[in-house]
Protein backbone atom coordinates (compact mmCIF):
# COMPACT_ATOMS: atom_id res chain seq x y z
CA LYS A 1 -96.42 18.61 -14.93
CA ALA A 2 -95.10 18.79 -11.35
CA ASN A 3 -95.03 14.94 -11.13
CA LYS A 4 -92.95 14.69 -14.30
CA GLU A 5 -90.54 17.27 -12.93
CA ARG A 6 -90.19 15.33 -9.63
CA GLU A 7 -89.59 12.08 -11.57
CA ARG A 8 -86.90 13.75 -13.67
CA GLU A 9 -85.26 15.10 -10.52
CA LYS A 10 -85.29 11.60 -8.95
CA VAL A 11 -83.72 10.13 -12.11
CA ARG A 12 -81.01 12.83 -12.12
CA LYS A 13 -80.33 12.17 -8.43
CA ARG A 14 -79.97 8.40 -9.04
CA LYS A 15 -77.61 9.05 -11.95
CA ARG A 16 -75.52 11.37 -9.78
CA VAL A 17 -75.32 8.76 -6.99
CA ARG A 18 -74.31 6.06 -9.52
CA MET A 19 -71.60 8.34 -10.94
CA GLU A 20 -70.25 9.07 -7.45
CA LEU A 21 -70.10 5.33 -6.69
CA MET A 22 -68.36 4.64 -10.00
CA ASN A 23 -65.85 7.41 -9.28
CA LYS A 24 -65.11 5.90 -5.86
CA LYS A 25 -64.57 2.46 -7.41
CA VAL A 26 -62.29 3.88 -10.07
CA MET A 27 -60.28 5.81 -7.46
CA MET A 28 -59.91 2.69 -5.28
CA LYS A 29 -58.71 0.64 -8.27
CA LEU A 30 -56.29 3.38 -9.23
CA ALA A 31 -54.93 3.60 -5.68
CA LEU A 32 -54.46 -0.17 -5.56
CA MET A 33 -52.68 -0.17 -8.90
CA VAL A 34 -50.31 2.63 -7.79
CA PHE A 35 -49.57 0.73 -4.58
CA LEU A 36 -48.83 -2.50 -6.46
CA LEU A 37 -46.63 -0.69 -8.98
CA SER A 38 -44.64 1.00 -6.22
CA PHE A 39 -44.22 -2.36 -4.45
CA ALA A 40 -43.05 -3.97 -7.69
CA ALA A 41 -40.60 -1.12 -8.24
CA ASN A 42 -39.19 -1.68 -4.74
CA VAL A 43 -38.72 -5.38 -5.47
CA VAL A 44 -36.81 -4.56 -8.66
CA ASN A 45 -34.68 -1.96 -6.88
CA ALA A 46 -33.92 -4.35 -4.02
CA ARG A 47 -31.00 -5.82 -5.94
CA PHE A 48 -29.44 -2.33 -6.14
CA ASP A 49 -29.90 -1.43 -2.47
CA SER A 50 -28.54 -3.86 0.10
CA THR A 51 -30.20 -1.94 2.95
CA SER A 52 -33.73 -2.12 1.55
CA PHE A 53 -36.41 -3.84 3.61
CA ILE A 54 -37.21 -6.33 0.87
CA THR A 55 -33.57 -7.33 0.47
CA GLN A 56 -33.28 -7.89 4.22
CA VAL A 57 -36.46 -10.00 4.29
CA LEU A 58 -35.42 -12.09 1.27
CA SER A 59 -31.77 -12.31 2.35
CA ASN A 60 -30.30 -15.79 2.71
CA GLY A 61 -27.94 -14.72 5.49
CA ASP A 62 -25.28 -13.35 3.12
CA ASP A 63 -23.46 -10.66 5.10
CA VAL A 64 -20.06 -8.97 5.19
CA LYS A 65 -18.46 -12.10 6.68
CA SER A 66 -19.68 -14.28 3.81
CA ALA A 67 -18.92 -11.75 1.06
CA CYS A 68 -16.51 -13.23 -1.46
CA CYS A 69 -14.82 -12.39 -4.74
CA ASP A 70 -13.19 -14.60 -7.36
CA THR A 71 -11.59 -11.80 -9.40
CA CYS A 72 -10.21 -8.93 -7.34
CA LEU A 73 -8.07 -6.21 -8.94
CA CYS A 74 -5.81 -4.00 -6.80
CA THR A 75 -3.62 -1.01 -7.53
CA LYS A 76 0.07 -1.20 -6.62
CA SER A 77 -0.25 1.80 -4.31
CA ASP A 78 0.31 1.61 -0.56
CA PRO A 79 -2.31 0.95 0.72
CA PRO A 80 -3.78 -0.73 -2.35
CA THR A 81 -7.19 0.13 -3.74
CA CYS A 82 -9.00 -3.09 -4.57
CA ARG A 83 -12.22 -3.80 -6.42
CA CYS A 84 -14.04 -7.04 -7.13
CA VAL A 85 -14.86 -7.37 -10.83
CA ASP A 86 -17.02 -10.50 -10.57
CA VAL A 87 -20.25 -10.34 -12.59
CA GLY A 88 -23.36 -12.16 -11.40
CA GLU A 89 -27.13 -11.98 -11.09
CA THR A 90 -26.78 -10.04 -7.82
CA CYS A 91 -24.09 -8.38 -5.75
CA HIS A 92 -23.25 -9.64 -2.26
CA SER A 93 -25.08 -7.91 0.59
CA ALA A 94 -21.92 -6.09 1.72
CA CYS A 95 -21.83 -4.18 -1.59
CA ASP A 96 -22.88 -0.52 -1.37
CA SER A 97 -22.58 0.34 -5.08
CA CYS A 98 -24.15 -2.48 -7.07
CA ILE A 99 -24.81 -1.71 -10.74
CA CYS A 100 -26.97 -4.14 -12.70
CA ALA A 101 -27.57 -4.22 -16.44
CA LEU A 102 -31.24 -4.31 -17.39
CA SER A 103 -30.98 -7.76 -18.93
CA TYR A 104 -32.33 -11.21 -18.23
CA PRO A 105 -30.71 -12.60 -16.27
CA PRO A 106 -29.35 -9.38 -14.76
CA GLN A 107 -25.60 -8.80 -14.97
CA CYS A 108 -24.52 -7.08 -11.75
CA GLN A 109 -21.14 -5.81 -10.62
CA CYS A 110 -20.05 -4.20 -7.35
CA PHE A 111 -18.17 -0.92 -7.72
CA ASP A 112 -17.05 -0.57 -4.08
CA THR A 113 -13.33 -0.11 -3.44
CA HIS A 114 -11.46 -1.40 -0.38
CA LYS A 115 -7.92 -1.76 0.90
CA PHE A 116 -8.33 -5.55 0.76
CA CYS A 117 -9.85 -8.36 -1.28
CA TYR A 118 -12.62 -10.61 0.00
CA LYS A 119 -11.90 -14.33 0.23
CA ALA A 120 -12.37 -16.32 -2.98
CA CYS A 121 -15.92 -17.57 -3.57
CA HIS A 122 -14.88 -20.91 -5.05
CA ASN A 123 -12.53 -23.26 -3.24
CA SER A 124 -9.52 -24.05 -5.45
CA GLU A 125 -9.24 -27.59 -3.97
CA VAL A 126 -12.81 -28.37 -5.01
CA GLU A 127 -12.11 -27.01 -8.52
CA GLU A 128 -9.02 -29.28 -8.80
CA VAL A 129 -11.10 -32.33 -7.84
CA ILE A 130 -13.69 -31.41 -10.45
CA LYS A 131 -10.99 -31.01 -13.15
CA ASN A 132 -9.53 -34.48 -12.39
């Protein structure tokens, strides 16, 4: 009877060890999944935040100097308040308030206001050559 009791105790101990190992594996998988989801969320939010690490890493050199706007609306006040109303898949890196529609492709617009307009994105001479 004592041998059977010892065997049962060994079996219970093995089951407990297996359960602990399974719990560790499950926790590691869960931690990895949470990490990957948070990374993916940062990638998605990168188009909203021009100062994010991911945006800076993936940036193609677009900075304030290269920011441009084809359609800029200004108030008649002095000084004027101007806003670019261009819509695109991203906002330029100089934009602080980029709002993007959750669509594919995304439709983004910069809601920053300035006392000036950025230079036009498309060269009017090139557009005239294309039209002719």
